[in-house]
N, C-alpha and C. Protein backbone atom coordinates (compact mmCIF):
# COMPACT_ATOMS: atom_id res chain seq x y z
N PHE A 1 -1.95 -46.80 -23.15
CA PHE A 1 -1.30 -45.01 -23.64
C PHE A 1 -2.34 -44.31 -24.09
N LEU A 2 -2.15 -43.28 -24.09
CA LEU A 2 -2.75 -42.35 -24.88
C LEU A 2 -2.07 -41.20 -25.67
N GLN A 3 -2.53 -41.38 -27.06
CA GLN A 3 -1.84 -40.43 -27.58
C GLN A 3 -2.85 -39.96 -28.75
N GLY A 4 -2.58 -38.26 -28.92
CA GLY A 4 -3.45 -37.72 -29.40
C GLY A 4 -5.13 -37.94 -28.90
N GLY A 5 -5.08 -38.20 -27.72
CA GLY A 5 -6.38 -38.23 -27.15
C GLY A 5 -7.10 -39.70 -27.66
N GLN A 6 -6.38 -40.48 -28.29
CA GLN A 6 -6.76 -41.82 -28.65
C GLN A 6 -6.35 -42.87 -27.55
N LEU A 7 -6.77 -43.92 -27.56
CA LEU A 7 -6.24 -44.84 -26.71
C LEU A 7 -5.28 -45.78 -27.53
N ILE A 8 -4.19 -46.22 -27.22
CA ILE A 8 -3.47 -46.89 -27.82
C ILE A 8 -2.89 -47.91 -27.13
N GLU A 9 -3.26 -49.23 -27.46
CA GLU A 9 -2.95 -50.58 -26.90
C GLU A 9 -1.36 -51.18 -26.31
N LYS A 10 -1.21 -51.35 -25.43
CA LYS A 10 0.45 -51.33 -24.92
C LYS A 10 1.16 -52.36 -26.03
N GLY A 11 2.30 -52.14 -26.55
CA GLY A 11 2.79 -52.98 -27.29
C GLY A 11 2.67 -52.59 -28.87
N SER A 12 1.71 -51.82 -28.94
CA SER A 12 1.56 -51.70 -30.41
C SER A 12 2.48 -50.38 -30.80
N SER A 13 2.93 -50.13 -32.05
CA SER A 13 3.64 -49.18 -32.39
C SER A 13 3.06 -47.93 -32.42
N SER A 14 3.54 -46.83 -32.52
CA SER A 14 2.39 -45.64 -32.81
C SER A 14 2.10 -45.07 -33.93
N SER A 15 2.58 -46.00 -34.77
CA SER A 15 2.32 -45.77 -36.49
C SER A 15 0.81 -46.59 -36.66
N SER A 16 0.65 -47.65 -35.43
CA SER A 16 -0.56 -48.36 -35.98
C SER A 16 -1.53 -47.58 -35.75
N ARG A 17 -2.89 -48.39 -35.92
CA ARG A 17 -4.01 -47.23 -35.87
C ARG A 17 -4.59 -47.26 -34.67
N ALA A 18 -4.92 -46.20 -34.06
CA ALA A 18 -5.14 -46.16 -32.73
C ALA A 18 -6.72 -46.65 -32.44
N THR A 19 -6.84 -47.17 -31.52
CA THR A 19 -8.12 -47.38 -31.14
C THR A 19 -9.00 -46.60 -29.78
N SER A 20 -10.15 -46.05 -29.88
CA SER A 20 -10.73 -45.12 -29.00
C SER A 20 -11.79 -45.93 -28.63
N LYS A 21 -12.12 -45.62 -27.21
CA LYS A 21 -13.30 -46.00 -26.32
C LYS A 21 -14.26 -45.34 -26.71
N GLU A 22 -13.80 -44.34 -26.86
CA GLU A 22 -15.47 -42.96 -26.73
C GLU A 22 -15.18 -42.08 -28.17
N PRO A 23 -16.35 -41.97 -28.49
CA PRO A 23 -16.44 -41.07 -29.77
C PRO A 23 -15.21 -39.80 -29.74
N SER A 24 -14.67 -40.02 -31.23
CA SER A 24 -13.76 -38.56 -31.05
C SER A 24 -14.19 -37.31 -30.99
N ARG A 25 -13.42 -36.53 -29.97
CA ARG A 25 -14.23 -35.19 -29.87
C ARG A 25 -13.54 -34.22 -30.15
N GLY A 26 -13.86 -32.66 -30.33
CA GLY A 26 -12.63 -31.78 -30.61
C GLY A 26 -11.78 -31.48 -29.56
N ARG A 27 -10.83 -30.81 -29.72
CA ARG A 27 -10.07 -30.44 -28.25
C ARG A 27 -10.59 -29.60 -27.62
N LYS A 28 -11.57 -28.85 -28.16
CA LYS A 28 -12.05 -27.81 -27.05
C LYS A 28 -13.18 -28.63 -26.18
N GLU A 29 -14.01 -29.59 -26.73
CA GLU A 29 -14.83 -30.48 -25.81
C GLU A 29 -14.18 -31.10 -24.94
N ARG A 30 -13.13 -31.72 -25.24
CA ARG A 30 -12.26 -32.38 -24.38
C ARG A 30 -11.83 -31.67 -23.18
N ARG A 31 -11.37 -30.49 -23.30
CA ARG A 31 -11.01 -29.26 -22.07
C ARG A 31 -12.58 -28.97 -21.46
N ASP A 32 -13.47 -28.86 -22.20
CA ASP A 32 -14.61 -28.79 -21.20
C ASP A 32 -15.10 -29.84 -20.40
N SER A 33 -15.17 -30.64 -20.90
CA SER A 33 -15.75 -31.88 -19.88
C SER A 33 -14.57 -32.29 -18.85
N SER A 34 -13.48 -31.87 -19.08
CA SER A 34 -12.28 -31.87 -17.88
C SER A 34 -12.58 -30.82 -17.04
N ALA A 35 -13.14 -29.62 -17.52
CA ALA A 35 -13.45 -28.65 -16.47
C ALA A 35 -14.58 -28.90 -15.49
N LYS A 36 -15.60 -29.56 -16.01
CA LYS A 36 -16.72 -29.85 -15.11
C LYS A 36 -16.53 -30.94 -14.38
N SER A 37 -15.11 -31.57 -13.83
CA SER A 37 -15.16 -32.34 -13.00
C SER A 37 -15.43 -31.92 -11.58
N ASP A 38 -16.09 -32.55 -10.69
CA ASP A 38 -16.24 -32.47 -9.63
C ASP A 38 -15.43 -32.86 -8.22
N ALA A 39 -14.68 -33.56 -8.89
CA ALA A 39 -13.30 -33.89 -8.07
C ALA A 39 -12.72 -32.89 -7.37
N PRO A 40 -12.16 -32.52 -6.13
CA PRO A 40 -11.20 -31.55 -5.77
C PRO A 40 -9.79 -31.71 -6.51
N SER A 41 -9.08 -30.68 -6.57
CA SER A 41 -7.63 -30.56 -6.96
C SER A 41 -6.61 -31.56 -6.09
N PRO A 42 -5.57 -31.80 -6.60
CA PRO A 42 -4.64 -32.31 -5.68
C PRO A 42 -4.31 -31.27 -4.72
N ALA A 43 -4.21 -30.17 -4.96
CA ALA A 43 -3.73 -29.29 -3.92
C ALA A 43 -4.68 -29.08 -2.93
N ALA A 44 -6.11 -28.95 -3.18
CA ALA A 44 -7.21 -28.89 -1.99
C ALA A 44 -7.23 -30.01 -0.87
N LYS A 45 -7.23 -31.19 -1.37
CA LYS A 45 -7.02 -32.75 -0.78
C LYS A 45 -6.48 -32.32 0.41
N GLY A 46 -7.30 -32.50 1.54
CA GLY A 46 -6.79 -32.59 2.74
C GLY A 46 -6.83 -31.39 3.76
N ARG A 47 -7.49 -30.41 2.76
CA ARG A 47 -7.93 -28.84 3.50
C ARG A 47 -9.11 -28.84 3.92
N THR A 48 -9.25 -28.32 5.16
CA THR A 48 -10.67 -27.95 5.63
C THR A 48 -11.02 -26.67 4.97
N ALA A 49 -12.31 -26.28 5.35
CA ALA A 49 -12.59 -25.13 4.98
C ALA A 49 -12.33 -23.87 5.37
N ASP A 50 -11.77 -24.00 6.67
CA ASP A 50 -11.21 -22.73 7.36
C ASP A 50 -9.66 -22.63 7.04
N SER A 51 -8.78 -23.57 5.98
CA SER A 51 -7.44 -23.16 5.94
C SER A 51 -7.43 -22.98 4.37
N GLN A 52 -8.41 -22.88 3.54
CA GLN A 52 -8.48 -23.01 2.17
C GLN A 52 -7.72 -21.39 1.76
N THR A 53 -8.26 -20.31 2.73
CA THR A 53 -7.62 -18.96 2.43
C THR A 53 -7.18 -18.50 3.27
N ARG A 54 -6.08 -17.66 3.60
CA ARG A 54 -5.63 -17.20 5.02
C ARG A 54 -6.34 -15.81 4.90
N GLY A 55 -7.02 -15.43 6.03
CA GLY A 55 -7.77 -14.22 6.16
C GLY A 55 -6.67 -13.03 6.42
N THR A 56 -7.56 -11.88 6.36
CA THR A 56 -6.53 -10.91 6.33
C THR A 56 -6.04 -10.47 7.72
N ALA A 57 -6.84 -10.96 8.83
CA ALA A 57 -6.27 -11.13 10.20
C ALA A 57 -5.15 -11.71 10.50
N ASN A 58 -4.81 -13.05 9.93
CA ASN A 58 -3.95 -13.83 10.27
C ASN A 58 -2.97 -14.10 9.14
N ASP A 59 -2.80 -13.17 8.30
CA ASP A 59 -1.65 -12.86 7.10
C ASP A 59 -0.44 -11.81 7.98
N PRO A 60 0.35 -12.61 8.27
CA PRO A 60 1.54 -11.71 9.22
C PRO A 60 2.10 -10.61 8.14
N VAL A 61 2.25 -10.94 6.89
CA VAL A 61 3.18 -9.86 6.11
C VAL A 61 1.96 -8.51 5.75
N ARG A 62 0.46 -8.85 5.92
CA ARG A 62 -0.78 -7.76 5.75
C ARG A 62 -0.17 -6.92 6.96
N LYS A 63 -0.30 -7.80 7.86
CA LYS A 63 -0.18 -6.94 9.58
C LYS A 63 1.07 -6.26 9.75
N ALA A 64 1.89 -6.41 8.97
CA ALA A 64 3.20 -5.82 9.07
C ALA A 64 3.32 -4.47 8.51
N SER A 65 2.29 -4.65 7.30
CA SER A 65 2.06 -3.72 6.11
C SER A 65 1.39 -2.70 6.79
N PHE A 66 -0.01 -3.10 7.45
CA PHE A 66 -0.51 -2.17 8.29
C PHE A 66 0.25 -1.44 9.59
N ASP A 67 0.88 -2.39 10.10
CA ASP A 67 1.80 -1.58 11.20
C ASP A 67 2.84 -0.58 10.84
N ASN A 68 3.11 -1.13 9.46
CA ASN A 68 4.23 0.09 9.08
C ASN A 68 3.88 1.62 8.51
N ILE A 69 2.45 1.39 8.16
CA ILE A 69 1.64 2.64 7.71
C ILE A 69 0.78 3.33 8.86
N GLN A 70 0.29 2.32 9.90
CA GLN A 70 0.27 3.14 11.01
C GLN A 70 1.29 3.64 11.94
N LYS A 71 2.53 3.46 11.97
CA LYS A 71 3.47 4.15 12.37
C LYS A 71 4.02 5.51 11.54
N ALA A 72 3.97 5.18 9.93
CA ALA A 72 4.43 6.29 9.15
C ALA A 72 3.06 7.24 9.25
N ARG A 73 1.98 6.98 9.69
CA ARG A 73 1.01 7.74 9.86
C ARG A 73 1.29 8.66 10.69
N LYS A 74 1.47 7.96 11.99
CA LYS A 74 1.62 8.65 13.34
C LYS A 74 2.81 9.83 13.02
N GLN A 75 3.73 9.44 12.49
CA GLN A 75 5.18 10.42 12.35
C GLN A 75 4.70 11.63 11.13
N TYR A 76 3.69 11.30 10.22
CA TYR A 76 3.39 12.31 9.60
C TYR A 76 2.15 13.25 10.08
N ASN A 77 1.60 12.73 10.83
CA ASN A 77 0.80 13.40 11.48
C ASN A 77 1.09 14.39 12.58
N ALA A 78 2.19 14.17 13.08
CA ALA A 78 3.13 14.50 14.05
C ALA A 78 3.90 16.09 13.32
N ASP A 79 4.26 15.88 12.29
CA ASP A 79 5.17 16.79 11.32
C ASP A 79 4.60 16.94 10.04
N ARG A 80 3.42 17.34 10.07
CA ARG A 80 2.79 17.50 8.51
C ARG A 80 3.12 18.20 7.31
N GLY A 81 4.37 19.18 7.93
CA GLY A 81 5.43 20.01 7.10
C GLY A 81 6.45 18.99 6.31
N ASN A 82 6.47 18.05 6.74
CA ASN A 82 8.05 17.50 6.70
C ASN A 82 7.69 16.36 5.11
N ILE A 83 8.28 16.67 3.94
CA ILE A 83 7.81 16.17 3.20
C ILE A 83 8.09 14.95 2.87
N LEU A 84 9.49 14.48 3.56
CA LEU A 84 9.94 13.01 3.45
C LEU A 84 9.05 12.01 4.38
N LYS A 85 8.22 12.59 5.20
CA LYS A 85 7.76 11.83 5.79
C LYS A 85 6.05 11.68 5.19
N ALA A 86 5.88 13.05 4.59
CA ALA A 86 4.40 12.51 3.68
C ALA A 86 4.96 11.59 2.45
N MET A 87 6.03 11.61 2.11
CA MET A 87 6.36 10.59 0.86
C MET A 87 6.49 9.12 1.36
N GLU A 88 7.05 8.88 2.70
CA GLU A 88 7.02 7.83 2.92
C GLU A 88 5.53 7.14 3.56
N LEU A 89 4.52 7.78 3.99
CA LEU A 89 3.22 7.42 3.98
C LEU A 89 2.60 7.17 2.89
N ALA A 90 2.67 7.94 2.21
CA ALA A 90 2.02 8.21 0.66
C ALA A 90 2.73 6.80 -0.19
N ASP A 91 4.06 6.45 -0.14
CA ASP A 91 4.57 5.14 -0.86
C ASP A 91 4.21 3.57 -0.14
N LEU A 92 4.10 3.96 1.07
CA LEU A 92 3.86 2.90 1.86
C LEU A 92 2.26 2.51 1.40
N LEU A 93 1.19 3.80 1.33
CA LEU A 93 -0.18 3.46 1.17
C LEU A 93 -0.26 2.60 -0.47
N ARG A 94 0.24 3.14 -1.62
CA ARG A 94 0.67 2.93 -2.87
C ARG A 94 0.99 1.26 -2.97
N LEU A 95 2.33 1.13 -2.26
CA LEU A 95 2.46 -0.28 -2.32
C LEU A 95 1.71 -1.19 -1.72
N TYR A 96 0.95 -0.89 -0.54
CA TYR A 96 -0.39 -1.79 0.04
C TYR A 96 -1.22 -1.79 -1.42
N ASP A 97 -1.34 -0.80 -1.68
CA ASP A 97 -2.80 -1.09 -2.61
C ASP A 97 -2.00 -1.98 -3.93
N LEU A 98 -0.99 -2.04 -4.28
CA LEU A 98 -0.38 -2.88 -5.40
C LEU A 98 -0.12 -4.28 -4.87
N ARG A 99 -0.13 -4.48 -3.50
CA ARG A 99 0.35 -5.73 -3.20
C ARG A 99 -0.94 -6.62 -2.96
N TYR A 100 -1.97 -5.82 -2.45
CA TYR A 100 -3.21 -6.30 -2.16
C TYR A 100 -4.40 -5.53 -2.59
N HIS A 101 -5.21 -6.41 -3.41
CA HIS A 101 -6.09 -5.81 -4.23
C HIS A 101 -7.43 -5.83 -3.45
N ASP A 102 -7.57 -4.95 -2.46
CA ASP A 102 -8.93 -5.23 -2.10
C ASP A 102 -9.94 -4.12 -2.45
N GLY A 103 -9.91 -3.76 -3.38
CA GLY A 103 -10.89 -2.72 -4.18
C GLY A 103 -10.20 -1.27 -3.54
N GLY A 104 -9.21 -1.31 -3.45
CA GLY A 104 -8.64 0.57 -3.22
C GLY A 104 -9.11 0.67 -1.95
N SER A 105 -9.04 0.18 -0.89
CA SER A 105 -9.50 0.79 0.40
C SER A 105 -8.18 1.78 1.02
N LEU A 106 -7.29 2.09 0.57
CA LEU A 106 -6.03 3.07 0.68
C LEU A 106 -5.67 4.00 -0.35
N GLN A 107 -6.38 3.94 -1.19
CA GLN A 107 -6.26 4.36 -2.51
C GLN A 107 -6.60 6.16 -2.17
N GLU A 108 -7.67 6.72 -1.74
CA GLU A 108 -8.27 7.84 -1.56
C GLU A 108 -7.15 8.48 -0.33
N GLU A 109 -6.93 7.96 0.82
CA GLU A 109 -5.67 8.38 1.48
C GLU A 109 -4.14 8.68 0.79
N ALA A 110 -3.98 7.78 0.04
CA ALA A 110 -2.80 8.00 -0.82
C ALA A 110 -2.71 9.25 -1.68
N ILE A 111 -4.11 9.12 -2.45
CA ILE A 111 -3.97 10.74 -3.52
C ILE A 111 -3.94 11.83 -2.63
N THR A 112 -4.71 11.65 -1.40
CA THR A 112 -4.40 13.07 -0.65
C THR A 112 -2.94 13.22 0.02
N VAL A 113 -2.44 12.43 0.72
CA VAL A 113 -1.08 12.59 0.99
C VAL A 113 -0.20 13.12 0.01
N TYR A 114 -0.33 12.22 -1.21
CA TYR A 114 0.40 13.02 -2.30
C TYR A 114 0.24 14.07 -2.82
N LEU A 115 -0.79 14.68 -2.65
CA LEU A 115 -1.45 15.92 -3.12
C LEU A 115 -0.67 17.05 -2.45
N GLU A 116 -0.73 16.61 -1.00
CA GLU A 116 -0.13 17.29 0.30
C GLU A 116 1.30 17.35 0.15
N ALA A 117 1.81 16.21 -0.16
CA ALA A 117 3.11 16.10 -0.56
C ALA A 117 3.47 17.13 -2.11
N ALA A 118 2.77 16.84 -3.01
CA ALA A 118 3.42 17.94 -3.94
C ALA A 118 3.09 19.08 -3.83
N ASN A 119 2.25 19.66 -2.87
CA ASN A 119 2.45 21.19 -2.08
C ASN A 119 3.55 21.42 -1.75
N LEU A 120 4.07 20.47 -0.59
CA LEU A 120 5.12 20.71 0.14
C LEU A 120 6.54 20.92 -0.83
N ALA A 121 6.14 19.86 -1.98
CA ALA A 121 7.69 19.61 -2.81
C ALA A 121 7.53 21.27 -3.54
N ASP A 122 6.41 21.80 -3.76
CA ASP A 122 6.58 23.09 -5.04
C ASP A 122 7.03 24.16 -4.09
N ALA A 123 6.67 23.99 -2.60
CA ALA A 123 6.83 25.13 -1.73
C ALA A 123 8.55 24.97 -1.40
N ASN A 124 8.99 23.78 -1.64
CA ASN A 124 10.54 23.53 -1.64
C ASN A 124 11.09 24.13 -2.67
N ARG A 125 10.55 23.96 -3.97
CA ARG A 125 11.74 24.27 -4.92
C ARG A 125 11.10 25.90 -5.32
N ARG A 126 10.06 26.46 -4.77
CA ARG A 126 10.13 27.82 -4.96
C ARG A 126 11.00 28.62 -3.55
N ALA A 127 11.16 28.01 -2.74
CA ALA A 127 11.77 28.74 -1.55
C ALA A 127 13.45 28.59 -2.47
N ALA A 128 13.98 27.71 -2.74
CA ALA A 128 15.13 27.27 -3.74
C ALA A 128 15.21 28.30 -4.48
N ILE A 129 14.39 28.59 -5.31
CA ILE A 129 14.39 29.51 -6.44
C ILE A 129 14.52 31.08 -5.62
N GLU A 130 13.79 31.25 -4.67
CA GLU A 130 13.92 32.72 -4.22
C GLU A 130 15.26 32.86 -3.47
N GLU A 131 16.02 31.40 -2.93
CA GLU A 131 17.21 32.13 -2.31
C GLU A 131 18.53 31.88 -3.34
N ASP A 132 18.10 31.61 -4.73
CA ASP A 132 18.82 32.11 -6.14
C ASP A 132 19.93 30.70 -5.75
N LYS A 133 18.96 29.62 -5.40
CA LYS A 133 19.58 28.23 -5.80
C LYS A 133 19.18 27.19 -6.88
N ASP A 134 19.88 26.61 -7.40
CA ASP A 134 19.18 25.78 -8.56
C ASP A 134 18.50 24.50 -8.07
N PRO A 135 17.26 24.52 -8.46
CA PRO A 135 16.35 23.62 -7.96
C PRO A 135 16.31 22.14 -8.28
N ALA A 136 17.41 21.89 -9.49
CA ALA A 136 17.43 20.74 -9.69
C ALA A 136 18.96 20.17 -9.25
N HIS A 137 19.68 21.16 -8.38
CA HIS A 137 20.61 20.61 -7.66
C HIS A 137 20.50 19.81 -6.35
N SER A 138 21.04 18.43 -6.62
CA SER A 138 20.67 17.48 -5.58
C SER A 138 21.89 17.44 -4.68
N LEU A 139 21.78 16.91 -3.47
CA LEU A 139 23.05 16.81 -2.54
C LEU A 139 24.14 15.72 -2.79
N ALA A 140 23.72 14.91 -4.00
CA ALA A 140 24.57 13.75 -4.73
C ALA A 140 25.45 14.50 -5.73
N ALA A 141 25.19 16.13 -6.21
CA ALA A 141 25.68 16.89 -7.01
C ALA A 141 25.85 16.23 -8.34
N LEU A 142 24.38 15.53 -8.83
CA LEU A 142 24.22 14.80 -10.20
C LEU A 142 23.67 15.88 -10.97
N ASP A 143 24.07 15.66 -12.32
CA ASP A 143 23.83 16.65 -13.52
C ASP A 143 22.43 16.94 -13.78
N SER A 144 21.83 15.72 -13.58
CA SER A 144 20.17 16.00 -14.17
C SER A 144 19.54 15.45 -13.06
N VAL A 145 18.25 15.76 -13.04
CA VAL A 145 16.84 15.06 -12.51
C VAL A 145 16.75 14.00 -12.56
N ASN A 146 16.97 13.51 -13.79
CA ASN A 146 17.11 11.90 -14.47
C ASN A 146 18.25 11.21 -13.53
N ASP A 147 19.01 11.66 -13.35
CA ASP A 147 20.32 11.22 -12.54
C ASP A 147 19.79 10.51 -10.90
N GLU A 148 18.69 11.12 -10.63
CA GLU A 148 18.39 11.15 -9.32
C GLU A 148 17.27 9.83 -8.79
N ILE A 149 16.89 9.49 -9.92
CA ILE A 149 16.04 8.14 -9.66
C ILE A 149 16.36 6.97 -8.79
N MET A 150 17.54 6.79 -8.27
CA MET A 150 18.09 5.61 -7.73
C MET A 150 18.15 6.37 -5.98
N LEU A 151 18.12 7.72 -5.98
CA LEU A 151 18.52 8.31 -4.90
C LEU A 151 17.33 8.34 -3.82
N GLU A 152 17.75 8.02 -2.33
CA GLU A 152 16.69 8.22 -1.52
C GLU A 152 16.54 9.73 -1.47
N TYR A 153 14.89 9.84 -1.20
CA TYR A 153 14.58 10.97 -1.01
C TYR A 153 15.25 12.35 -0.40
N SER A 154 15.82 11.88 0.65
CA SER A 154 16.58 13.01 1.37
C SER A 154 17.72 13.42 0.65
N ALA A 155 18.40 12.82 -0.41
CA ALA A 155 19.37 13.27 -1.23
C ALA A 155 19.00 13.92 -2.41
N ARG A 156 17.61 14.05 -2.68
CA ARG A 156 17.20 14.56 -4.14
C ARG A 156 16.93 15.94 -3.73
N SER A 157 17.10 16.74 -4.95
CA SER A 157 16.83 18.05 -5.25
C SER A 157 15.52 18.50 -5.35
N PRO A 158 15.02 19.81 -5.00
CA PRO A 158 13.66 19.72 -4.78
C PRO A 158 13.05 19.65 -6.20
N ASP A 159 13.33 19.83 -7.48
CA ASP A 159 13.05 19.01 -8.87
C ASP A 159 12.92 17.80 -8.66
N GLY A 160 13.88 17.05 -8.18
CA GLY A 160 13.74 15.65 -8.34
C GLY A 160 12.68 14.81 -6.97
N LEU A 161 12.35 15.67 -6.12
CA LEU A 161 11.33 15.56 -5.23
C LEU A 161 9.88 15.48 -5.64
N LEU A 162 9.77 16.85 -6.43
CA LEU A 162 8.31 17.32 -7.29
C LEU A 162 8.20 16.19 -8.11
N CYS A 163 9.21 15.88 -8.97
CA CYS A 163 9.28 14.55 -9.81
C CYS A 163 8.82 13.61 -9.16
N ALA A 164 9.41 12.68 -8.06
CA ALA A 164 9.07 11.61 -7.57
C ALA A 164 7.60 11.62 -6.95
N VAL A 165 7.21 12.63 -6.36
CA VAL A 165 5.75 12.93 -5.50
C VAL A 165 4.52 12.46 -7.17
N HIS A 166 5.06 13.45 -8.16
CA HIS A 166 4.17 13.36 -9.25
C HIS A 166 4.06 12.00 -9.82
N CYS A 167 4.91 11.19 -9.70
CA CYS A 167 5.11 9.82 -10.55
C CYS A 167 4.37 9.28 -9.45
N GLY A 168 4.49 9.45 -8.57
CA GLY A 168 3.84 8.43 -7.51
C GLY A 168 2.49 8.73 -7.48
N LEU A 169 2.10 9.83 -7.33
CA LEU A 169 0.69 10.15 -7.41
C LEU A 169 -0.05 9.84 -9.06
N GLY A 170 0.52 9.66 -9.96
CA GLY A 170 0.28 9.05 -11.00
C GLY A 170 0.10 7.46 -11.29
N LYS A 171 1.00 6.70 -10.55
CA LYS A 171 0.95 5.62 -10.06
C LYS A 171 -0.55 4.96 -10.07
N VAL A 172 -0.73 5.86 -8.21
CA VAL A 172 -2.05 5.77 -7.83
C VAL A 172 -3.29 5.93 -8.73
N TYR A 173 -3.05 6.98 -9.26
CA TYR A 173 -4.47 7.49 -10.24
C TYR A 173 -4.58 6.14 -11.16
N PHE A 174 -3.72 5.90 -11.65
CA PHE A 174 -3.59 4.61 -12.86
C PHE A 174 -4.18 3.60 -12.13
N MET A 175 -3.80 3.09 -11.09
CA MET A 175 -4.20 1.96 -10.56
C MET A 175 -5.67 2.14 -9.88
N ALA A 176 -5.89 3.22 -9.81
CA ALA A 176 -7.54 3.44 -9.20
C ALA A 176 -8.36 3.74 -10.64
N ASN A 177 -7.69 3.71 -11.58
CA ASN A 177 -8.41 3.75 -13.05
C ASN A 177 -9.03 5.12 -13.06
N MET A 178 -8.47 6.17 -12.68
CA MET A 178 -8.43 7.50 -13.19
C MET A 178 -7.52 7.98 -13.92
N PHE A 179 -7.73 7.34 -15.43
CA PHE A 179 -6.81 8.00 -16.15
C PHE A 179 -6.40 9.27 -16.43
N GLU A 180 -7.57 9.80 -16.56
CA GLU A 180 -7.75 11.17 -17.03
C GLU A 180 -6.86 12.17 -16.21
N GLN A 181 -6.47 11.84 -15.16
CA GLN A 181 -6.10 12.40 -13.95
C GLN A 181 -4.17 12.22 -14.09
N ALA A 182 -4.33 10.78 -14.38
CA ALA A 182 -3.10 10.45 -14.35
C ALA A 182 -1.89 10.79 -15.57
């Protein structure tokens, strides 16, 4: 048996003096020597070189994410004045970046779409003010913009949409290490 890193003979009590087959080493040294082992891990046994990691082309979840992004991109490009389609595309791009750490391949596009969505949200807010409507009034008739956080974008007030756009944009800036913009 091993107790405290020392070999204990079978049948001896734990209070008896332990015998060790190797000189006593510190805890750190034992960890370092075990880390140098060339033996494959139990999880890696039986794997071939091709099956150790799943490539991006073979990942069905990543492919579905790309398909959803492409679909949202087509819808957004067909109607660039629709803030809901802009928000859907920008959110999908942000969520892809959150799930797959591939160096931020879609961050620049996400920032661009969020900025365009911010312009649209600001225009919607200004239009509501010009029509003497309360820009903080949502379709759900909630009392404040804070209460809109769980609503779909289509049910939010102009102020709620503007807030959601800037929150999403801030998240992308943060993930892109662009802290001063966030």
